[in-house]
Amino acid sequence: MAPLTRITAAVVGVIVNLAAFFAWHVLWPQGPGGPFDWGAALIGLAAAIALFRFKAGVIPVVLASGLAGLLAQLAGSWLSTRFAAATVFSCMHVD
């Protein structure tokens, strides 16, 4: 086996290992006992479809995925504060 083939196999192995490591920590941010992050999975699936099916460029897909994650995080934060305030005010209702 040629030395370049072995080096290529080692590099591919490291890349696959890193991809699995990051996927695990993104999809289960609180560890294996924690909840699955469906939002991150949906963004990842959309990115994969954009890359492989529609042949979109890597940089636009990475930027769009980052923006989608940021907007999802901000929307979730905004919604949680709105529902928390509504819950507090509904508990303060006096007959």
Protein backbone atom coordinates (compact mmCIF):
# COMPACT_ATOMS: atom_id res chain seq x y z
CA MET A 1 0.00 0.00 0.00
CA ALA A 2 1.35 3.38 -0.96
CA PRO A 3 2.22 5.82 1.84
CA LEU A 4 -0.07 8.50 0.40
CA THR A 5 -3.02 6.09 0.56
CA ARG A 6 -2.36 5.45 4.25
CA ILE A 7 -2.08 9.15 5.00
CA THR A 8 -5.35 9.80 3.13
CA ALA A 9 -7.10 7.04 5.08
CA ALA A 10 -5.83 8.49 8.37
CA VAL A 11 -7.01 12.00 7.47
CA VAL A 12 -10.45 10.72 6.43
CA GLY A 13 -10.67 8.78 9.70
CA VAL A 14 -9.90 11.90 11.74
CA ILE A 15 -12.50 13.93 9.83
CA VAL A 16 -15.20 11.28 10.33
CA ASN A 17 -14.31 11.06 14.04
CA LEU A 18 -14.61 14.85 14.43
CA ALA A 19 -17.93 14.87 12.54
CA ALA A 20 -19.34 12.18 14.84
CA PHE A 21 -18.04 14.01 17.94
CA PHE A 22 -19.60 17.34 16.94
CA ALA A 23 -22.87 15.74 15.78
CA TRP A 24 -23.20 13.95 19.14
CA HIS A 25 -22.65 17.16 21.11
CA VAL A 26 -24.93 19.27 18.91
CA LEU A 27 -27.82 16.80 18.78
CA TRP A 28 -27.61 15.87 22.49
CA PRO A 29 -26.30 19.07 24.13
CA GLN A 30 -27.01 17.83 27.68
CA GLY A 31 -25.46 14.41 27.16
CA PRO A 32 -26.96 11.01 26.34
CA GLY A 33 -29.61 11.30 29.06
CA GLY A 34 -30.74 14.72 27.88
CA PRO A 35 -33.28 15.64 25.24
CA PHE A 36 -32.65 15.37 21.51
CA ASP A 37 -32.31 18.76 19.78
CA TRP A 38 -34.78 18.50 16.89
CA GLY A 39 -34.12 22.06 15.75
CA ALA A 40 -30.44 21.34 15.20
CA ALA A 41 -31.30 18.10 13.41
CA LEU A 42 -33.71 19.92 11.10
CA ILE A 43 -31.14 22.61 10.28
CA GLY A 44 -28.53 19.92 9.60
CA LEU A 45 -30.91 18.00 7.34
CA ALA A 46 -31.78 21.17 5.43
CA ALA A 47 -28.06 21.93 5.03
CA ALA A 48 -27.36 18.41 3.74
CA ILE A 49 -30.20 18.69 1.23
CA ALA A 50 -28.94 22.11 0.08
CA LEU A 51 -25.40 20.77 -0.36
CA PHE A 52 -26.08 17.42 -2.02
CA ARG A 53 -29.41 17.83 -3.82
CA PHE A 54 -29.21 21.46 -4.92
CA LYS A 55 -25.39 21.68 -5.12
CA ALA A 56 -25.30 24.91 -3.08
CA GLY A 57 -21.94 26.29 -2.06
CA VAL A 58 -20.51 25.43 1.34
CA ILE A 59 -20.03 29.01 2.55
CA PRO A 60 -23.63 30.14 1.82
CA VAL A 61 -24.98 26.97 3.45
CA VAL A 62 -22.85 27.47 6.57
CA LEU A 63 -23.92 31.13 6.81
CA ALA A 64 -27.61 30.28 6.29
CA SER A 65 -27.41 27.48 8.87
CA GLY A 66 -25.80 29.79 11.41
CA LEU A 67 -28.44 32.43 10.78
CA ALA A 68 -31.23 29.84 11.11
CA GLY A 69 -29.77 28.64 14.42
CA LEU A 70 -29.46 32.19 15.71
CA LEU A 71 -33.03 33.05 14.73
CA ALA A 72 -34.34 29.83 16.29
CA GLN A 73 -32.48 30.59 19.52
CA LEU A 74 -33.77 34.17 19.62
CA ALA A 75 -37.34 33.09 18.79
CA GLY A 76 -37.25 30.43 21.51
CA SER A 77 -35.92 32.92 24.03
CA TRP A 78 -38.53 35.50 23.04
CA LEU A 79 -41.37 32.96 23.21
CA SER A 80 -40.28 31.62 26.58
CA THR A 81 -40.24 35.12 28.10
CA ARG A 82 -43.70 35.87 26.64
CA PHE A 83 -45.23 32.64 27.96
CA ALA A 84 -43.54 33.03 31.34
CA ALA A 85 -44.96 36.56 31.67
CA ALA A 86 -48.42 35.35 30.63
CA THR A 87 -48.26 32.57 33.22
CA VAL A 88 -47.25 34.98 35.98
CA PHE A 89 -50.03 37.41 35.09
CA SER A 90 -52.65 34.66 34.86
CA CYS A 91 -51.69 33.47 38.35
CA MET A 92 -52.18 37.00 39.67
CA HIS A 93 -55.79 37.15 38.50
CA VAL A 94 -58.11 38.16 41.31
CA ASP A 95 -61.85 37.47 41.23
